[in-house]
Amino acid sequence: MFNETYNLSGTDLDSCSICHGDSTLTPYGADVLASGLDFASIENNDSDEDGFSNIEEINALTSPGDPNDYPETMVEEETASEETSDAKSPGFEITFAIAGIAALTYLKRRR
């Protein structure tokens, strides 16, 4: 049913292990069963609690039932984005510093 729903035949997700573990259901499999086999209703869930929704993992061809299998390119992009945001130009803080220096200079010249 999973492969037919998402047309994943021939991919890494073309396996019963997406829902079935060694002797029990994966977290994704448990959510599928609890949803009454309604895959669409759990697409926005994060069944394996790895920070990615089930549909994000399915689209990235990673297992929504395995917390150790996640979309690495998304993690790398987020990390790069965080590094970029930390390295932004001074902006707001420097504006107040310059305004403060200008005010002090004005007050000193005024005396």
C-alpha atoms as a PDB file:
ATOM      1  CA  MET A   1       0.000   0.000   0.000  1.00  0.00           C
ATOM      2  CA  PHE A   2       2.825   2.421   0.886  1.00  0.00           C
ATOM      3  CA  ASN A   3       4.560   1.995  -2.476  1.00  0.00           C
ATOM      4  CA  GLU A   4       1.322   2.380  -4.383  1.00  0.00           C
ATOM      5  CA  THR A   5       0.426   5.532  -2.443  1.00  0.00           C
ATOM      6  CA  TYR A   6       3.773   7.256  -3.010  1.00  0.00           C
ATOM      7  CA  ASN A   7       4.951   5.485  -6.210  1.00  0.00           C
ATOM      8  CA  LEU A   8       8.281   4.486  -4.667  1.00  0.00           C
ATOM      9  CA  SER A   9       8.853   1.135  -6.366  1.00  0.00           C
ATOM     10  CA  GLY A  10      12.542   0.526  -6.960  1.00  0.00           C
ATOM     11  CA  THR A  11      13.697   3.087  -4.371  1.00  0.00           C
ATOM     12  CA  ASP A  12      15.210   2.536  -0.919  1.00  0.00           C
ATOM     13  CA  LEU A  13      11.701   2.948   0.490  1.00  0.00           C
ATOM     14  CA  ASP A  14      10.411   0.005  -1.559  1.00  0.00           C
ATOM     15  CA  SER A  15      10.531  -2.258   1.480  1.00  0.00           C
ATOM     16  CA  CYS A  16       8.257  -3.625   4.179  1.00  0.00           C
ATOM     17  CA  SER A  17      10.793  -2.401   6.762  1.00  0.00           C
ATOM     18  CA  ILE A  18       9.371   1.126   6.450  1.00  0.00           C
ATOM     19  CA  CYS A  19       6.498  -0.043   8.657  1.00  0.00           C
ATOM     20  CA  HIS A  20       7.678  -3.399   9.999  1.00  0.00           C
ATOM     21  CA  GLY A  21      10.748  -3.754  12.205  1.00  0.00           C
ATOM     22  CA  ASP A  22      12.339  -7.037  13.271  1.00  0.00           C
ATOM     23  CA  SER A  23       9.525  -8.121  15.552  1.00  0.00           C
ATOM     24  CA  THR A  24       7.366  -5.035  15.892  1.00  0.00           C
ATOM     25  CA  LEU A  25       6.122  -2.024  13.957  1.00  0.00           C
ATOM     26  CA  THR A  26       8.367   0.982  13.404  1.00  0.00           C
ATOM     27  CA  PRO A  27       7.066   4.276  14.838  1.00  0.00           C
ATOM     28  CA  TYR A  28       5.821   5.132  11.339  1.00  0.00           C
ATOM     29  CA  GLY A  29       4.153   1.738  11.012  1.00  0.00           C
ATOM     30  CA  ALA A  30       2.417   2.254  14.362  1.00  0.00           C
ATOM     31  CA  ASP A  31       1.126   5.659  13.201  1.00  0.00           C
ATOM     32  CA  VAL A  32      -0.077   4.170   9.906  1.00  0.00           C
ATOM     33  CA  LEU A  33      -1.957   1.464  11.758  1.00  0.00           C
ATOM     34  CA  ALA A  34      -3.447   3.952  14.249  1.00  0.00           C
ATOM     35  CA  SER A  35      -4.612   6.134  11.327  1.00  0.00           C
ATOM     36  CA  GLY A  36      -6.540   3.236   9.818  1.00  0.00           C
ATOM     37  CA  LEU A  37      -3.979   2.989   6.966  1.00  0.00           C
ATOM     38  CA  ASP A  38      -4.639   6.617   5.980  1.00  0.00           C
ATOM     39  CA  PHE A  39      -1.142   7.639   4.895  1.00  0.00           C
ATOM     40  CA  ALA A  40      -2.146  11.191   3.994  1.00  0.00           C
ATOM     41  CA  SER A  41      -3.452  11.880   7.501  1.00  0.00           C
ATOM     42  CA  ILE A  42      -0.011  11.316   9.056  1.00  0.00           C
ATOM     43  CA  GLU A  43       2.155  13.007   6.422  1.00  0.00           C
ATOM     44  CA  ASN A  44       2.785  16.037   8.636  1.00  0.00           C
ATOM     45  CA  ASN A  45       3.591  13.914  11.694  1.00  0.00           C
ATOM     46  CA  ASP A  46       7.173  13.177  12.681  1.00  0.00           C
ATOM     47  CA  SER A  47       6.683   9.526  13.585  1.00  0.00           C
ATOM     48  CA  ASP A  48      10.343   8.783  14.344  1.00  0.00           C
ATOM     49  CA  GLU A  49      10.886  12.128  16.108  1.00  0.00           C
ATOM     50  CA  ASP A  50      13.987  13.071  14.130  1.00  0.00           C
ATOM     51  CA  GLY A  51      12.851  16.609  13.335  1.00  0.00           C
ATOM     52  CA  PHE A  52      11.475  15.890   9.861  1.00  0.00           C
ATOM     53  CA  SER A  53       7.856  15.283   8.926  1.00  0.00           C
ATOM     54  CA  ASN A  54       6.954  11.942   7.413  1.00  0.00           C
ATOM     55  CA  ILE A  55       6.326  13.515   4.020  1.00  0.00           C
ATOM     56  CA  GLU A  56       9.677  15.354   4.096  1.00  0.00           C
ATOM     57  CA  GLU A  57      11.379  12.027   4.687  1.00  0.00           C
ATOM     58  CA  ILE A  58       9.355  10.219   2.030  1.00  0.00           C
ATOM     59  CA  ASN A  59      10.170  12.936  -0.518  1.00  0.00           C
ATOM     60  CA  ALA A  60      13.866  12.705   0.428  1.00  0.00           C
ATOM     61  CA  LEU A  61      13.694   8.889   0.197  1.00  0.00           C
ATOM     62  CA  THR A  62      14.606   8.433   3.850  1.00  0.00           C
ATOM     63  CA  SER A  63      12.684   6.276   6.289  1.00  0.00           C
ATOM     64  CA  PRO A  64       9.939   8.028   8.272  1.00  0.00           C
ATOM     65  CA  GLY A  65      10.161   5.179  10.790  1.00  0.00           C
ATOM     66  CA  ASP A  66      13.908   5.312  11.518  1.00  0.00           C
ATOM     67  CA  PRO A  67      15.268   8.246  13.559  1.00  0.00           C
ATOM     68  CA  ASN A  68      18.789   7.512  12.284  1.00  0.00           C
ATOM     69  CA  ASP A  69      17.721   7.891   8.642  1.00  0.00           C
ATOM     70  CA  TYR A  70      16.845  11.473   7.829  1.00  0.00           C
ATOM     71  CA  PRO A  71      17.245  13.962   4.958  1.00  0.00           C
ATOM     72  CA  GLU A  72      20.887  14.926   5.423  1.00  0.00           C
ATOM     73  CA  THR A  73      20.829  17.583   2.733  1.00  0.00           C
ATOM     74  CA  MET A  74      18.105  19.391   4.671  1.00  0.00           C
ATOM     75  CA  VAL A  75      20.195  19.259   7.850  1.00  0.00           C
ATOM     76  CA  GLU A  76      23.220  20.622   5.992  1.00  0.00           C
ATOM     77  CA  GLU A  77      21.143  23.444   4.502  1.00  0.00           C
ATOM     78  CA  GLU A  78      19.736  24.366   7.931  1.00  0.00           C
ATOM     79  CA  THR A  79      23.221  24.333   9.468  1.00  0.00           C
ATOM     80  CA  ALA A  80      24.559  26.499   6.653  1.00  0.00           C
ATOM     81  CA  SER A  81      21.603  28.844   7.059  1.00  0.00           C
ATOM     82  CA  GLU A  82      22.222  29.131  10.812  1.00  0.00           C
ATOM     83  CA  GLU A  83      25.914  29.854  10.221  1.00  0.00           C
ATOM     84  CA  THR A  84      25.002  32.502   7.660  1.00  0.00           C
ATOM     85  CA  SER A  85      22.519  34.154  10.002  1.00  0.00           C
ATOM     86  CA  ASP A  86      25.148  34.257  12.769  1.00  0.00           C
ATOM     87  CA  ALA A  87      27.634  35.903  10.394  1.00  0.00           C
ATOM     88  CA  LYS A  88      25.289  38.687   9.250  1.00  0.00           C
ATOM     89  CA  SER A  89      26.410  42.304   9.193  1.00  0.00           C
ATOM     90  CA  PRO A  90      26.176  44.118  12.540  1.00  0.00           C
ATOM     91  CA  GLY A  91      23.016  46.035  11.591  1.00  0.00           C
ATOM     92  CA  PHE A  92      20.720  46.997  14.454  1.00  0.00           C
ATOM     93  CA  GLU A  93      23.276  46.931  17.282  1.00  0.00           C
ATOM     94  CA  ILE A  94      25.829  49.057  15.447  1.00  0.00           C
ATOM     95  CA  THR A  95      23.172  51.659  14.663  1.00  0.00           C
ATOM     96  CA  PHE A  96      22.644  52.303  18.395  1.00  0.00           C
ATOM     97  CA  ALA A  97      26.384  52.339  19.054  1.00  0.00           C
ATOM     98  CA  ILE A  98      26.946  54.976  16.365  1.00  0.00           C
ATOM     99  CA  ALA A  99      23.978  57.023  17.600  1.00  0.00           C
ATOM    100  CA  GLY A 100      25.384  56.889  21.144  1.00  0.00           C
ATOM    101  CA  ILE A 101      28.834  58.024  20.028  1.00  0.00           C
ATOM    102  CA  ALA A 102      27.294  60.829  17.979  1.00  0.00           C
ATOM    103  CA  ALA A 103      25.241  61.953  20.983  1.00  0.00           C
ATOM    104  CA  LEU A 104      28.302  61.970  23.258  1.00  0.00           C
ATOM    105  CA  THR A 105      30.308  63.924  20.689  1.00  0.00           C
ATOM    106  CA  TYR A 106      27.505  66.469  20.394  1.00  0.00           C
ATOM    107  CA  LEU A 107      27.263  66.894  24.168  1.00  0.00           C
ATOM    108  CA  LYS A 108      31.039  67.367  24.543  1.00  0.00           C
ATOM    109  CA  ARG A 109      31.148  70.032  21.807  1.00  0.00           C
ATOM    110  CA  ARG A 110      28.173  71.777  23.350  1.00  0.00           C
ATOM    111  CA  ARG A 111      29.978  72.414  26.643  1.00  0.00           C
END
